[in-house]
């Protein structure tokens, strides 16, 4: 899945998660531009960089939608997360 930075929407839930986790818009932009890891996740894509993860969906009109933003290190993903990745 290609992230459309020209047509991007961040959900209210994602903004709230970012505030709660002290993640800045600049950090989100960096994840979207240059993720170290990009993997499918329940019809979306999970992008990770430097312990931060953004889950992004694509609307039918091609708009990329940031669904949520997490602050985790790769070793913190559980077996349940791996199973749910499909």
PDB file of N, CA and C in Angstrom:
ATOM      1  N   UNK A   1       0.846  -1.177   0.000  1.00  0.00           N
ATOM      2  CA  UNK A   1       0.000   0.000   0.000  1.00  0.00           C
ATOM      3  C   UNK A   1       0.891   1.240   0.000  1.00  0.00           C
ATOM      4  N   UNK A   2       0.585   2.152  -0.863  1.00  0.00           N
ATOM      5  CA  UNK A   2       1.341   3.400  -0.952  1.00  0.00           C
ATOM      6  C   UNK A   2       0.608   4.482  -0.163  1.00  0.00           C
ATOM      7  N   UNK A   3       1.331   5.212   0.663  1.00  0.00           N
ATOM      8  CA  UNK A   3       0.747   6.288   1.457  1.00  0.00           C
ATOM      9  C   UNK A   3       0.653   7.536   0.593  1.00  0.00           C
ATOM     10  N   UNK A   4      -0.532   8.105   0.513  1.00  0.00           N
ATOM     11  CA  UNK A   4      -0.762   9.310  -0.279  1.00  0.00           C
ATOM     12  C   UNK A   4      -0.592  10.528   0.632  1.00  0.00           C
ATOM     13  N   UNK A   5       0.586  11.121   0.621  1.00  0.00           N
ATOM     14  CA  UNK A   5       0.855  12.276   1.488  1.00  0.00           C
ATOM     15  C   UNK A   5       0.164  13.533   0.985  1.00  0.00           C
ATOM     16  N   UNK A   6      -0.257  13.532  -0.283  1.00  0.00           N
ATOM     17  CA  UNK A   6      -0.997  14.678  -0.828  1.00  0.00           C
ATOM     18  C   UNK A   6      -2.434  14.686  -0.321  1.00  0.00           C
ATOM     19  N   UNK A   7      -2.958  13.488  -0.087  1.00  0.00           N
ATOM     20  CA  UNK A   7      -4.329  13.326   0.411  1.00  0.00           C
ATOM     21  C   UNK A   7      -4.253  12.493   1.676  1.00  0.00           C
ATOM     22  N   UNK A   8      -4.132  13.169   2.801  1.00  0.00           N
ATOM     23  CA  UNK A   8      -3.916  12.497   4.075  1.00  0.00           C
ATOM     24  C   UNK A   8      -4.903  13.030   5.099  1.00  0.00           C
ATOM     25  N   UNK A   9      -5.494  12.113   5.853  1.00  0.00           N
ATOM     26  CA  UNK A   9      -6.391  12.497   6.939  1.00  0.00           C
ATOM     27  C   UNK A   9      -5.970  11.751   8.194  1.00  0.00           C
ATOM     28  N   UNK A  10      -5.969  12.443   9.311  1.00  0.00           N
ATOM     29  CA  UNK A  10      -5.649  11.836  10.603  1.00  0.00           C
ATOM     30  C   UNK A  10      -6.937  11.813  11.411  1.00  0.00           C
ATOM     31  N   UNK A  11      -7.348  10.638  11.864  1.00  0.00           N
ATOM     32  CA  UNK A  11      -8.598  10.517  12.611  1.00  0.00           C
ATOM     33  C   UNK A  11      -8.488  11.196  13.977  1.00  0.00           C
ATOM     34  N   UNK A  12      -9.641  11.502  14.547  1.00  0.00           N
ATOM     35  CA  UNK A  12      -9.677  12.086  15.899  1.00  0.00           C
ATOM     36  C   UNK A  12      -9.027  11.123  16.890  1.00  0.00           C
ATOM     37  N   UNK A  13      -9.273   9.832  16.700  1.00  0.00           N
ATOM     38  CA  UNK A  13      -8.661   8.836  17.578  1.00  0.00           C
ATOM     39  C   UNK A  13      -7.131   8.902  17.496  1.00  0.00           C
ATOM     40  N   UNK A  14      -6.593   9.032  16.270  1.00  0.00           N
ATOM     41  CA  UNK A  14      -5.136   9.093  16.108  1.00  0.00           C
ATOM     42  C   UNK A  14      -4.561  10.346  16.760  1.00  0.00           C
ATOM     43  N   UNK A  15      -5.243  11.498  16.585  1.00  0.00           N
ATOM     44  CA  UNK A  15      -4.773  12.736  17.240  1.00  0.00           C
ATOM     45  C   UNK A  15      -4.754  12.563  18.752  1.00  0.00           C
ATOM     46  N   UNK A  16      -5.807  11.955  19.296  1.00  0.00           N
ATOM     47  CA  UNK A  16      -5.889  11.736  20.745  1.00  0.00           C
ATOM     48  C   UNK A  16      -4.758  10.809  21.213  1.00  0.00           C
ATOM     49  N   UNK A  17      -4.515   9.736  20.442  1.00  0.00           N
ATOM     50  CA  UNK A  17      -3.434   8.797  20.787  1.00  0.00           C
ATOM     51  C   UNK A  17      -2.083   9.501  20.749  1.00  0.00           C
ATOM     52  N   UNK A  18      -1.889  10.372  19.756  1.00  0.00           N
ATOM     53  CA  UNK A  18      -0.625  11.110  19.652  1.00  0.00           C
ATOM     54  C   UNK A  18      -0.430  12.028  20.858  1.00  0.00           C
ATOM     55  N   UNK A  19      -1.474  12.735  21.243  1.00  0.00           N
ATOM     56  CA  UNK A  19      -1.356  13.614  22.424  1.00  0.00           C
ATOM     57  C   UNK A  19      -1.042  12.807  23.673  1.00  0.00           C
ATOM     58  N   UNK A  20      -1.753  11.693  23.849  1.00  0.00           N
ATOM     59  CA  UNK A  20      -1.562  10.846  25.025  1.00  0.00           C
ATOM     60  C   UNK A  20      -0.133  10.302  25.100  1.00  0.00           C
ATOM     61  N   UNK A  21       0.452  10.010  23.939  1.00  0.00           N
ATOM     62  CA  UNK A  21       1.774   9.387  23.887  1.00  0.00           C
ATOM     63  C   UNK A  21       2.892  10.374  23.571  1.00  0.00           C
ATOM     64  N   UNK A  22       2.563  11.663  23.571  1.00  0.00           N
ATOM     65  CA  UNK A  22       3.547  12.727  23.286  1.00  0.00           C
ATOM     66  C   UNK A  22       4.257  12.515  21.950  1.00  0.00           C
ATOM     67  N   UNK A  23       3.488  12.154  20.935  1.00  0.00           N
ATOM     68  CA  UNK A  23       4.024  11.991  19.581  1.00  0.00           C
ATOM     69  C   UNK A  23       3.658  13.240  18.792  1.00  0.00           C
ATOM     70  N   UNK A  24       4.635  13.878  18.192  1.00  0.00           N
ATOM     71  CA  UNK A  24       4.395  15.136  17.479  1.00  0.00           C
ATOM     72  C   UNK A  24       3.962  14.884  16.034  1.00  0.00           C
ATOM     73  N   UNK A  25       3.315  15.868  15.414  1.00  0.00           N
ATOM     74  CA  UNK A  25       2.982  15.743  13.992  1.00  0.00           C
ATOM     75  C   UNK A  25       4.229  15.524  13.128  1.00  0.00           C
ATOM     76  N   UNK A  26       5.331  16.117  13.526  1.00  0.00           N
ATOM     77  CA  UNK A  26       6.581  15.929  12.788  1.00  0.00           C
ATOM     78  C   UNK A  26       7.055  14.475  12.856  1.00  0.00           C
ATOM     79  N   UNK A  27       6.905  13.843  14.023  1.00  0.00           N
ATOM     80  CA  UNK A  27       7.274  12.435  14.161  1.00  0.00           C
ATOM     81  C   UNK A  27       6.366  11.558  13.304  1.00  0.00           C
ATOM     82  N   UNK A  28       5.073  11.867  13.287  1.00  0.00           N
ATOM     83  CA  UNK A  28       4.145  11.125  12.437  1.00  0.00           C
ATOM     84  C   UNK A  28       4.545  11.268  10.970  1.00  0.00           C
ATOM     85  N   UNK A  29       4.839  12.475  10.551  1.00  0.00           N
ATOM     86  CA  UNK A  29       5.235  12.713   9.155  1.00  0.00           C
ATOM     87  C   UNK A  29       6.475  11.889   8.801  1.00  0.00           C
ATOM     88  N   UNK A  30       7.420  11.799   9.717  1.00  0.00           N
ATOM     89  CA  UNK A  30       8.647  11.030   9.470  1.00  0.00           C
ATOM     90  C   UNK A  30       8.328   9.540   9.323  1.00  0.00           C
ATOM     91  N   UNK A  31       7.433   9.021  10.154  1.00  0.00           N
ATOM     92  CA  UNK A  31       7.024   7.617  10.039  1.00  0.00           C
ATOM     93  C   UNK A  31       6.412   7.368   8.658  1.00  0.00           C
ATOM     94  N   UNK A  32       5.543   8.278   8.222  1.00  0.00           N
ATOM     95  CA  UNK A  32       4.850   8.106   6.946  1.00  0.00           C
ATOM     96  C   UNK A  32       5.795   8.231   5.752  1.00  0.00           C
ATOM     97  N   UNK A  33       6.780   9.117   5.864  1.00  0.00           N
ATOM     98  CA  UNK A  33       7.720   9.334   4.756  1.00  0.00           C
ATOM     99  C   UNK A  33       8.775   8.250   4.648  1.00  0.00           C
ATOM    100  N   UNK A  34       9.320   7.821   5.801  1.00  0.00           N
ATOM    101  CA  UNK A  34      10.458   6.908   5.778  1.00  0.00           C
ATOM    102  C   UNK A  34      10.333   5.784   6.822  1.00  0.00           C
ATOM    103  N   UNK A  35       9.319   4.939   6.699  1.00  0.00           N
ATOM    104  CA  UNK A  35       9.205   3.863   7.697  1.00  0.00           C
ATOM    105  C   UNK A  35      10.335   2.851   7.555  1.00  0.00           C
ATOM    106  N   UNK A  36      10.815   2.360   8.680  1.00  0.00           N
ATOM    107  CA  UNK A  36      11.822   1.298   8.660  1.00  0.00           C
ATOM    108  C   UNK A  36      11.157  -0.041   8.384  1.00  0.00           C
ATOM    109  N   UNK A  37       9.900  -0.179   8.826  1.00  0.00           N
ATOM    110  CA  UNK A  37       9.126  -1.408   8.641  1.00  0.00           C
ATOM    111  C   UNK A  37       7.759  -1.024   8.102  1.00  0.00           C
ATOM    112  N   UNK A  38       7.303  -1.762   7.104  1.00  0.00           N
ATOM    113  CA  UNK A  38       5.972  -1.582   6.535  1.00  0.00           C
ATOM    114  C   UNK A  38       5.370  -2.969   6.358  1.00  0.00           C
ATOM    115  N   UNK A  39       4.246  -3.226   7.049  1.00  0.00           N
ATOM    116  CA  UNK A  39       3.648  -4.556   6.963  1.00  0.00           C
ATOM    117  C   UNK A  39       2.130  -4.462   6.949  1.00  0.00           C
ATOM    118  N   UNK A  40       1.465  -5.405   6.270  1.00  0.00           N
ATOM    119  CA  UNK A  40       0.002  -5.397   6.239  1.00  0.00           C
ATOM    120  C   UNK A  40      -0.571  -5.654   7.630  1.00  0.00           C
ATOM    121  N   UNK A  41      -1.732  -5.060   7.882  1.00  0.00           N
ATOM    122  CA  UNK A  41      -2.388  -5.231   9.182  1.00  0.00           C
ATOM    123  C   UNK A  41      -3.887  -5.028   9.015  1.00  0.00           C
ATOM    124  N   UNK A  42      -4.643  -6.128   8.958  1.00  0.00           N
ATOM    125  CA  UNK A  42      -6.109  -6.082   8.898  1.00  0.00           C
ATOM    126  C   UNK A  42      -6.643  -5.147   7.815  1.00  0.00           C
ATOM    127  N   UNK A  43      -6.149  -5.259   6.617  1.00  0.00           N
ATOM    128  CA  UNK A  43      -6.608  -4.414   5.522  1.00  0.00           C
ATOM    129  C   UNK A  43      -5.983  -3.033   5.501  1.00  0.00           C
ATOM    130  N   UNK A  44      -5.113  -2.773   6.451  1.00  0.00           N
ATOM    131  CA  UNK A  44      -4.388  -1.498   6.539  1.00  0.00           C
ATOM    132  C   UNK A  44      -2.908  -1.800   6.368  1.00  0.00           C
ATOM    133  N   UNK A  45      -2.091  -0.825   6.647  1.00  0.00           N
ATOM    134  CA  UNK A  45      -0.649  -1.039   6.688  1.00  0.00           C
ATOM    135  C   UNK A  45      -0.135  -0.470   8.000  1.00  0.00           C
ATOM    136  N   UNK A  46       0.811  -1.177   8.601  1.00  0.00           N
ATOM    137  CA  UNK A  46       1.430  -0.735   9.846  1.00  0.00           C
ATOM    138  C   UNK A  46       2.841  -0.274   9.503  1.00  0.00           C
ATOM    139  N   UNK A  47       3.126   1.002   9.760  1.00  0.00           N
ATOM    140  CA  UNK A  47       4.424   1.608   9.462  1.00  0.00           C
ATOM    141  C   UNK A  47       5.140   1.896  10.771  1.00  0.00           C
ATOM    142  N   UNK A  48       6.386   1.492  10.875  1.00  0.00           N
ATOM    143  CA  UNK A  48       7.131   1.681  12.123  1.00  0.00           C
ATOM    144  C   UNK A  48       8.472   2.338  11.868  1.00  0.00           C
ATOM    145  N   UNK A  49       8.868   3.168  12.821  1.00  0.00           N
ATOM    146  CA  UNK A  49      10.162   3.848  12.780  1.00  0.00           C
ATOM    147  C   UNK A  49      10.530   4.284  14.187  1.00  0.00           C
ATOM    148  N   UNK A  50      11.709   3.897  14.643  1.00  0.00           N
ATOM    149  CA  UNK A  50      12.240   4.345  15.939  1.00  0.00           C
ATOM    150  C   UNK A  50      11.271   4.133  17.097  1.00  0.00           C
ATOM    151  N   UNK A  51      10.629   2.956  17.152  1.00  0.00           N
ATOM    152  CA  UNK A  51       9.735   2.640  18.260  1.00  0.00           C
ATOM    153  C   UNK A  51       8.346   3.232  18.147  1.00  0.00           C
ATOM    154  N   UNK A  52       8.060   3.952  17.079  1.00  0.00           N
ATOM    155  CA  UNK A  52       6.727   4.520  16.853  1.00  0.00           C
ATOM    156  C   UNK A  52       6.075   3.802  15.679  1.00  0.00           C
ATOM    157  N   UNK A  53       4.760   3.600  15.771  1.00  0.00           N
ATOM    158  CA  UNK A  53       4.029   2.887  14.729  1.00  0.00           C
ATOM    159  C   UNK A  53       2.760   3.638  14.381  1.00  0.00           C
ATOM    160  N   UNK A  54       2.482   3.753  13.086  1.00  0.00           N
ATOM    161  CA  UNK A  54       1.227   4.336  12.601  1.00  0.00           C
ATOM    162  C   UNK A  54       0.486   3.268  11.818  1.00  0.00           C
ATOM    163  N   UNK A  55      -0.819   3.145  12.058  1.00  0.00           N
ATOM    164  CA  UNK A  55      -1.666   2.240  11.288  1.00  0.00           C
ATOM    165  C   UNK A  55      -2.444   3.113  10.315  1.00  0.00           C
ATOM    166  N   UNK A  56      -2.322   2.792   9.009  1.00  0.00           N
ATOM    167  CA  UNK A  56      -2.885   3.639   7.961  1.00  0.00           C
ATOM    168  C   UNK A  56      -3.778   2.816   7.041  1.00  0.00           C
ATOM    169  N   UNK A  57      -4.986   3.323   6.805  1.00  0.00           N
ATOM    170  CA  UNK A  57      -5.932   2.725   5.859  1.00  0.00           C
ATOM    171  C   UNK A  57      -6.003   3.614   4.623  1.00  0.00           C
ATOM    172  N   UNK A  58      -6.673   3.118   3.593  1.00  0.00           N
ATOM    173  CA  UNK A  58      -6.885   3.927   2.397  1.00  0.00           C
ATOM    174  C   UNK A  58      -8.376   3.982   2.103  1.00  0.00           C
ATOM    175  N   UNK A  59      -8.932   5.198   2.017  1.00  0.00           N
ATOM    176  CA  UNK A  59     -10.330   5.383   1.645  1.00  0.00           C
ATOM    177  C   UNK A  59     -10.511   5.039   0.174  1.00  0.00           C
ATOM    178  N   UNK A  60     -11.741   4.728  -0.247  1.00  0.00           N
ATOM    179  CA  UNK A  60     -11.990   4.417  -1.655  1.00  0.00           C
ATOM    180  C   UNK A  60     -11.550   5.529  -2.618  1.00  0.00           C
ATOM    181  N   UNK A  61     -11.556   6.779  -2.151  1.00  0.00           N
ATOM    182  CA  UNK A  61     -11.139   7.886  -3.022  1.00  0.00           C
ATOM    183  C   UNK A  61      -9.620   8.063  -3.079  1.00  0.00           C
ATOM    184  N   UNK A  62      -8.881   7.172  -2.399  1.00  0.00           N
ATOM    185  CA  UNK A  62      -7.424   7.228  -2.432  1.00  0.00           C
ATOM    186  C   UNK A  62      -6.789   8.004  -1.298  1.00  0.00           C
ATOM    187  N   UNK A  63      -7.597   8.576  -0.421  1.00  0.00           N
ATOM    188  CA  UNK A  63      -7.071   9.304   0.735  1.00  0.00           C
ATOM    189  C   UNK A  63      -6.465   8.321   1.730  1.00  0.00           C
ATOM    190  N   UNK A  64      -5.250   8.595   2.177  1.00  0.00           N
ATOM    191  CA  UNK A  64      -4.629   7.805   3.239  1.00  0.00           C
ATOM    192  C   UNK A  64      -5.162   8.307   4.574  1.00  0.00           C
ATOM    193  N   UNK A  65      -5.559   7.367   5.433  1.00  0.00           N
ATOM    194  CA  UNK A  65      -6.172   7.716   6.715  1.00  0.00           C
ATOM    195  C   UNK A  65      -5.357   7.105   7.845  1.00  0.00           C
ATOM    196  N   UNK A  66      -4.783   7.957   8.694  1.00  0.00           N
ATOM    197  CA  UNK A  66      -4.051   7.475   9.864  1.00  0.00           C
ATOM    198  C   UNK A  66      -5.094   7.101  10.910  1.00  0.00           C
ATOM    199  N   UNK A  67      -5.170   5.802  11.213  1.00  0.00           N
ATOM    200  CA  UNK A  67      -6.183   5.276  12.115  1.00  0.00           C
ATOM    201  C   UNK A  67      -5.751   5.420  13.570  1.00  0.00           C
ATOM    202  N   UNK A  68      -4.496   5.091  13.850  1.00  0.00           N
ATOM    203  CA  UNK A  68      -3.968   5.236  15.202  1.00  0.00           C
ATOM    204  C   UNK A  68      -2.451   5.333  15.138  1.00  0.00           C
ATOM    205  N   UNK A  69      -1.870   5.775  16.237  1.00  0.00           N
ATOM    206  CA  UNK A  69      -0.419   5.885  16.359  1.00  0.00           C
ATOM    207  C   UNK A  69      -0.035   5.281  17.703  1.00  0.00           C
ATOM    208  N   UNK A  70       0.965   4.402  17.672  1.00  0.00           N
ATOM    209  CA  UNK A  70       1.404   3.685  18.868  1.00  0.00           C
ATOM    210  C   UNK A  70       2.851   4.010  19.180  1.00  0.00           C
ATOM    211  N   UNK A  71       3.191   3.856  20.432  1.00  0.00           N
ATOM    212  CA  UNK A  71       4.575   4.032  20.857  1.00  0.00           C
ATOM    213  C   UNK A  71       5.026   2.719  21.473  1.00  0.00           C
ATOM    214  N   UNK A  72       5.689   1.900  20.662  1.00  0.00           N
ATOM    215  CA  UNK A  72       6.157   0.592  21.127  1.00  0.00           C
ATOM    216  C   UNK A  72       7.460   0.249  20.433  1.00  0.00           C
ATOM    217  N   UNK A  73       8.223  -0.563  21.095  1.00  0.00           N
ATOM    218  CA  UNK A  73       9.398  -1.150  20.462  1.00  0.00           C
ATOM    219  C   UNK A  73       8.985  -2.489  19.869  1.00  0.00           C
ATOM    220  N   UNK A  74       9.663  -2.919  18.840  1.00  0.00           N
ATOM    221  CA  UNK A  74       9.303  -4.160  18.151  1.00  0.00           C
ATOM    222  C   UNK A  74       9.230  -5.347  19.105  1.00  0.00           C
ATOM    223  N   UNK A  75      10.108  -5.387  20.094  1.00  0.00           N
ATOM    224  CA  UNK A  75      10.105  -6.536  21.001  1.00  0.00           C
ATOM    225  C   UNK A  75       8.899  -6.540  21.939  1.00  0.00           C
ATOM    226  N   UNK A  76       8.125  -5.470  21.965  1.00  0.00           N
ATOM    227  CA  UNK A  76       6.943  -5.424  22.817  1.00  0.00           C
ATOM    228  C   UNK A  76       5.703  -5.995  22.142  1.00  0.00           C
ATOM    229  N   UNK A  77       5.749  -6.254  20.828  1.00  0.00           N
ATOM    230  CA  UNK A  77       4.593  -6.867  20.167  1.00  0.00           C
ATOM    231  C   UNK A  77       4.402  -8.262  20.740  1.00  0.00           C
ATOM    232  N   UNK A  78       3.185  -8.624  21.022  1.00  0.00           N
ATOM    233  CA  UNK A  78       2.902  -9.941  21.589  1.00  0.00           C
ATOM    234  C   UNK A  78       2.595 -10.943  20.480  1.00  0.00           C
ATOM    235  N   UNK A  79       2.529 -12.221  20.844  1.00  0.00           N
ATOM    236  CA  UNK A  79       2.134 -13.236  19.883  1.00  0.00           C
ATOM    237  C   UNK A  79       0.742 -12.944  19.347  1.00  0.00           C
ATOM    238  N   UNK A  80      -0.141 -12.421  20.170  1.00  0.00           N
ATOM    239  CA  UNK A  80      -1.510 -12.079  19.752  1.00  0.00           C
ATOM    240  C   UNK A  80      -1.451 -10.988  18.671  1.00  0.00           C
ATOM    241  N   UNK A  81      -0.562 -10.016  18.792  1.00  0.00           N
ATOM    242  CA  UNK A  81      -0.415  -8.984  17.759  1.00  0.00           C
ATOM    243  C   UNK A  81      -0.001  -9.604  16.430  1.00  0.00           C
ATOM    244  N   UNK A  82       0.898 -10.562  16.488  1.00  0.00           N
ATOM    245  CA  UNK A  82       1.359 -11.214  15.263  1.00  0.00           C
ATOM    246  C   UNK A  82       0.205 -11.978  14.618  1.00  0.00           C
ATOM    247  N   UNK A  83      -0.577 -12.676  15.414  1.00  0.00           N
ATOM    248  CA  UNK A  83      -1.722 -13.425  14.895  1.00  0.00           C
ATOM    249  C   UNK A  83      -2.736 -12.459  14.276  1.00  0.00           C
ATOM    250  N   UNK A  84      -2.991 -11.332  14.922  1.00  0.00           N
ATOM    251  CA  UNK A  84      -3.981 -10.366  14.447  1.00  0.00           C
ATOM    252  C   UNK A  84      -3.509  -9.598  13.229  1.00  0.00           C
ATOM    253  N   UNK A  85      -2.255  -9.712  12.867  1.00  0.00           N
ATOM    254  CA  UNK A  85      -1.686  -8.992  11.749  1.00  0.00           C
ATOM    255  C   UNK A  85      -2.340  -9.418  10.431  1.00  0.00           C
ATOM    256  N   UNK A  86      -2.880 -10.599  10.372  1.00  0.00           N
ATOM    257  CA  UNK A  86      -3.430 -11.148   9.126  1.00  0.00           C
ATOM    258  C   UNK A  86      -4.775 -10.586   8.805  1.00  0.00           C
TER     259      UNK A  86
END
